[in-house]
Amino acid sequence: PEEAKDAFKTLWQSMGERFARYTSDLSKGFLILIVAGLIVGLVVSVVYLLIMRYLAPLLVWGTLILVNLALTGVTLYSFAMAGMLGNSSWVEDLVDKLQEFGNPQAVDQEVWKYIGITAAVIAGLVLLLTLLMISRLRVAV
């Protein structure tokens, strides 16, 4: 019982010391927290809003183009890893360069085939939605 009492007292004192250290750190860093958290955040958000005001069309169209290109790239990567792009020289060069990121022999090529098909469907749907939204985006932006 006496050992447990001493252990509890030591634990309680260490927790109290830790709490005191945390509160002193917060009080010392309060100015930094205010400046970094509020003032810098406010300045960055105002600058971002100004950028959005003048460059919104560029950001919208750039995002749409990059999303479509990324989905097309994922589809081509998956089909290249599945060995479904044929035997032309550029495909062989691409697969050789992609060997660094993953070996298609180590992973089942059938899985890459299904991943490629799924990615192609998603890329096709996103491209279709992008083409359908062009007229609305021109009006909105």
C-alpha atoms as a PDB file:
ATOM      1  CA  PRO A   1       0.000   0.000   0.000  1.00  0.00           C
ATOM      2  CA  GLU A   2       2.795   2.442   0.839  1.00  0.00           C
ATOM      3  CA  GLU A   3       4.579   1.673  -2.462  1.00  0.00           C
ATOM      4  CA  ALA A   4       1.374   2.205  -4.404  1.00  0.00           C
ATOM      5  CA  LYS A   5       0.828   5.478  -2.600  1.00  0.00           C
ATOM      6  CA  ASP A   6       4.350   6.640  -3.490  1.00  0.00           C
ATOM      7  CA  ALA A   7       3.930   5.526  -7.121  1.00  0.00           C
ATOM      8  CA  PHE A   8       0.622   7.387  -7.380  1.00  0.00           C
ATOM      9  CA  LYS A   9       2.147  10.495  -5.771  1.00  0.00           C
ATOM     10  CA  THR A  10       5.091  10.402  -8.191  1.00  0.00           C
ATOM     11  CA  LEU A  11       2.758   9.941 -11.163  1.00  0.00           C
ATOM     12  CA  TRP A  12       0.505  12.781  -9.993  1.00  0.00           C
ATOM     13  CA  GLN A  13       3.466  15.111  -9.519  1.00  0.00           C
ATOM     14  CA  SER A  14       4.884  14.255 -12.947  1.00  0.00           C
ATOM     15  CA  MET A  15       1.477  14.915 -14.518  1.00  0.00           C
ATOM     16  CA  GLY A  16       1.269  18.229 -12.661  1.00  0.00           C
ATOM     17  CA  GLU A  17       4.745  19.194 -13.826  1.00  0.00           C
ATOM     18  CA  ARG A  18       3.870  18.231 -17.377  1.00  0.00           C
ATOM     19  CA  PHE A  19       0.673  20.304 -17.255  1.00  0.00           C
ATOM     20  CA  ALA A  20       2.597  23.271 -15.852  1.00  0.00           C
ATOM     21  CA  ARG A  21       5.154  22.938 -18.649  1.00  0.00           C
ATOM     22  CA  TYR A  22       2.399  22.794 -21.293  1.00  0.00           C
ATOM     23  CA  THR A  23       0.653  25.885 -19.934  1.00  0.00           C
ATOM     24  CA  SER A  24       3.928  27.804 -19.722  1.00  0.00           C
ATOM     25  CA  ASP A  25       4.719  26.822 -23.323  1.00  0.00           C
ATOM     26  CA  LEU A  26       1.291  28.024 -24.407  1.00  0.00           C
ATOM     27  CA  SER A  27       1.685  31.309 -22.588  1.00  0.00           C
ATOM     28  CA  LYS A  28       5.120  31.843 -24.149  1.00  0.00           C
ATOM     29  CA  GLY A  29       3.891  30.924 -27.617  1.00  0.00           C
ATOM     30  CA  PHE A  30       0.574  32.768 -27.402  1.00  0.00           C
ATOM     31  CA  LEU A  31       1.777  35.676 -29.547  1.00  0.00           C
ATOM     32  CA  ILE A  32       3.155  33.283 -32.155  1.00  0.00           C
ATOM     33  CA  LEU A  33      -0.123  31.360 -32.211  1.00  0.00           C
ATOM     34  CA  ILE A  34      -2.108  34.560 -32.682  1.00  0.00           C
ATOM     35  CA  VAL A  35       0.157  35.877 -35.438  1.00  0.00           C
ATOM     36  CA  ALA A  36       0.552  32.576 -37.269  1.00  0.00           C
ATOM     37  CA  GLY A  37      -2.995  31.382 -36.761  1.00  0.00           C
ATOM     38  CA  LEU A  38      -5.050  34.496 -37.259  1.00  0.00           C
ATOM     39  CA  ILE A  39      -3.102  37.230 -38.980  1.00  0.00           C
ATOM     40  CA  VAL A  40      -1.205  35.054 -41.460  1.00  0.00           C
ATOM     41  CA  GLY A  41      -4.349  33.009 -42.124  1.00  0.00           C
ATOM     42  CA  LEU A  42      -6.337  36.182 -42.776  1.00  0.00           C
ATOM     43  CA  VAL A  43      -3.687  37.597 -45.133  1.00  0.00           C
ATOM     44  CA  VAL A  44      -3.365  34.320 -47.060  1.00  0.00           C
ATOM     45  CA  SER A  45      -7.138  33.989 -47.426  1.00  0.00           C
ATOM     46  CA  VAL A  46      -7.497  37.577 -48.698  1.00  0.00           C
ATOM     47  CA  VAL A  47      -4.691  37.030 -51.214  1.00  0.00           C
ATOM     48  CA  TYR A  48      -6.332  33.765 -52.325  1.00  0.00           C
ATOM     49  CA  LEU A  49      -9.680  35.526 -52.784  1.00  0.00           C
ATOM     50  CA  LEU A  50      -8.002  38.222 -54.890  1.00  0.00           C
ATOM     51  CA  ILE A  51      -6.319  35.570 -57.013  1.00  0.00           C
ATOM     52  CA  MET A  52      -9.656  33.785 -57.400  1.00  0.00           C
ATOM     53  CA  ARG A  53     -11.324  37.037 -58.449  1.00  0.00           C
ATOM     54  CA  TYR A  54      -9.001  37.567 -61.391  1.00  0.00           C
ATOM     55  CA  LEU A  55      -7.889  34.028 -62.237  1.00  0.00           C
ATOM     56  CA  ALA A  56     -11.025  31.962 -61.574  1.00  0.00           C
ATOM     57  CA  PRO A  57     -11.520  30.938 -65.215  1.00  0.00           C
ATOM     58  CA  LEU A  58      -7.904  29.805 -65.433  1.00  0.00           C
ATOM     59  CA  LEU A  59      -8.221  27.775 -62.234  1.00  0.00           C
ATOM     60  CA  VAL A  60     -11.512  26.156 -63.295  1.00  0.00           C
ATOM     61  CA  TRP A  61     -10.380  25.198 -66.789  1.00  0.00           C
ATOM     62  CA  GLY A  62      -6.925  24.188 -65.574  1.00  0.00           C
ATOM     63  CA  THR A  63      -8.441  21.904 -62.958  1.00  0.00           C
ATOM     64  CA  LEU A  64     -10.756  20.275 -65.496  1.00  0.00           C
ATOM     65  CA  ILE A  65      -7.946  19.698 -67.968  1.00  0.00           C
ATOM     66  CA  LEU A  66      -5.590  18.327 -65.304  1.00  0.00           C
ATOM     67  CA  VAL A  67      -8.231  15.952 -63.902  1.00  0.00           C
ATOM     68  CA  ASN A  68      -8.984  14.566 -67.356  1.00  0.00           C
ATOM     69  CA  LEU A  69      -5.281  14.188 -68.176  1.00  0.00           C
ATOM     70  CA  ALA A  70      -4.599  12.487 -64.835  1.00  0.00           C
ATOM     71  CA  LEU A  71      -7.422   9.997 -65.334  1.00  0.00           C
ATOM     72  CA  THR A  72      -6.209   9.269 -68.864  1.00  0.00           C
ATOM     73  CA  GLY A  73      -2.696   8.768 -67.507  1.00  0.00           C
ATOM     74  CA  VAL A  74      -3.920   6.327 -64.853  1.00  0.00           C
ATOM     75  CA  THR A  75      -5.806   4.406 -67.534  1.00  0.00           C
ATOM     76  CA  LEU A  76      -2.787   4.209 -69.834  1.00  0.00           C
ATOM     77  CA  TYR A  77      -0.527   3.227 -66.935  1.00  0.00           C
ATOM     78  CA  SER A  78      -2.882   0.413 -65.947  1.00  0.00           C
ATOM     79  CA  PHE A  79      -3.184  -0.882 -69.488  1.00  0.00           C
ATOM     80  CA  ALA A  80       0.599  -0.675 -69.940  1.00  0.00           C
ATOM     81  CA  MET A  81       1.134  -2.682 -66.766  1.00  0.00           C
ATOM     82  CA  ALA A  82      -1.418  -5.224 -68.011  1.00  0.00           C
ATOM     83  CA  GLY A  83       0.426  -5.521 -71.335  1.00  0.00           C
ATOM     84  CA  MET A  84      -2.629  -4.475 -73.341  1.00  0.00           C
ATOM     85  CA  LEU A  85      -1.162  -1.546 -75.317  1.00  0.00           C
ATOM     86  CA  GLY A  86       0.491  -3.664 -77.989  1.00  0.00           C
ATOM     87  CA  ASN A  87       4.116  -4.193 -78.900  1.00  0.00           C
ATOM     88  CA  SER A  88       5.107  -0.877 -80.455  1.00  0.00           C
ATOM     89  CA  SER A  89       8.424   0.653 -79.507  1.00  0.00           C
ATOM     90  CA  TRP A  90       6.977   3.520 -77.445  1.00  0.00           C
ATOM     91  CA  VAL A  91       4.932   1.062 -75.368  1.00  0.00           C
ATOM     92  CA  GLU A  92       8.028  -1.034 -74.689  1.00  0.00           C
ATOM     93  CA  ASP A  93       9.944   2.103 -73.699  1.00  0.00           C
ATOM     94  CA  LEU A  94       7.083   3.142 -71.431  1.00  0.00           C
ATOM     95  CA  VAL A  95       6.882  -0.266 -69.761  1.00  0.00           C
ATOM     96  CA  ASP A  96      10.667  -0.304 -69.302  1.00  0.00           C
ATOM     97  CA  LYS A  97      10.508   3.083 -67.571  1.00  0.00           C
ATOM     98  CA  LEU A  98       7.542   1.969 -65.458  1.00  0.00           C
ATOM     99  CA  GLN A  99       9.485  -1.063 -64.234  1.00  0.00           C
ATOM    100  CA  GLU A 100      11.046   1.235 -61.627  1.00  0.00           C
ATOM    101  CA  PHE A 101       7.629   1.898 -60.068  1.00  0.00           C
ATOM    102  CA  GLY A 102       6.239  -1.604 -60.218  1.00  0.00           C
ATOM    103  CA  ASN A 103       6.955  -4.857 -61.952  1.00  0.00           C
ATOM    104  CA  PRO A 104       3.922  -6.100 -63.919  1.00  0.00           C
ATOM    105  CA  GLN A 105       5.267  -9.639 -63.717  1.00  0.00           C
ATOM    106  CA  ALA A 106       5.236  -9.517 -59.935  1.00  0.00           C
ATOM    107  CA  VAL A 107       1.614  -8.395 -59.843  1.00  0.00           C
ATOM    108  CA  ASP A 108      -1.088 -10.290 -61.644  1.00  0.00           C
ATOM    109  CA  GLN A 109      -1.644  -8.676 -65.043  1.00  0.00           C
ATOM    110  CA  GLU A 110      -5.298  -9.651 -64.904  1.00  0.00           C
ATOM    111  CA  VAL A 111      -5.725  -7.305 -61.950  1.00  0.00           C
ATOM    112  CA  TRP A 112      -4.121  -4.468 -63.918  1.00  0.00           C
ATOM    113  CA  LYS A 113      -6.512  -5.226 -66.758  1.00  0.00           C
ATOM    114  CA  TYR A 114      -9.536  -4.766 -64.490  1.00  0.00           C
ATOM    115  CA  ILE A 115      -8.018  -1.666 -62.914  1.00  0.00           C
ATOM    116  CA  GLY A 116      -7.467  -0.274 -66.420  1.00  0.00           C
ATOM    117  CA  ILE A 117     -11.035  -1.028 -67.469  1.00  0.00           C
ATOM    118  CA  THR A 118     -12.384   0.639 -64.332  1.00  0.00           C
ATOM    119  CA  ALA A 119     -10.110   3.639 -64.845  1.00  0.00           C
ATOM    120  CA  ALA A 120     -11.192   3.878 -68.495  1.00  0.00           C
ATOM    121  CA  VAL A 121     -14.866   3.893 -67.513  1.00  0.00           C
ATOM    122  CA  ILE A 122     -14.282   6.574 -64.881  1.00  0.00           C
ATOM    123  CA  ALA A 123     -12.145   8.645 -67.269  1.00  0.00           C
ATOM    124  CA  GLY A 124     -14.799   8.338 -69.971  1.00  0.00           C
ATOM    125  CA  LEU A 125     -17.563   9.434 -67.617  1.00  0.00           C
ATOM    126  CA  VAL A 126     -15.568  12.397 -66.354  1.00  0.00           C
ATOM    127  CA  LEU A 127     -14.687  13.419 -69.915  1.00  0.00           C
ATOM    128  CA  LEU A 128     -18.350  13.124 -70.923  1.00  0.00           C
ATOM    129  CA  LEU A 129     -19.420  15.247 -67.956  1.00  0.00           C
ATOM    130  CA  THR A 130     -16.721  17.786 -68.790  1.00  0.00           C
ATOM    131  CA  LEU A 131     -17.937  18.036 -72.376  1.00  0.00           C
ATOM    132  CA  LEU A 132     -21.529  18.412 -71.197  1.00  0.00           C
ATOM    133  CA  MET A 133     -20.565  21.163 -68.754  1.00  0.00           C
ATOM    134  CA  ILE A 134     -18.581  23.305 -71.212  1.00  0.00           C
ATOM    135  CA  SER A 135     -21.494  25.545 -72.162  1.00  0.00           C
ATOM    136  CA  ARG A 136     -22.528  26.030 -68.536  1.00  0.00           C
ATOM    137  CA  LEU A 137     -18.950  26.747 -67.492  1.00  0.00           C
ATOM    138  CA  ARG A 138     -18.608  29.394 -70.183  1.00  0.00           C
ATOM    139  CA  VAL A 139     -21.653  31.179 -68.757  1.00  0.00           C
ATOM    140  CA  ALA A 140     -20.564  30.763 -65.125  1.00  0.00           C
ATOM    141  CA  VAL A 141     -16.949  31.753 -65.586  1.00  0.00           C
END
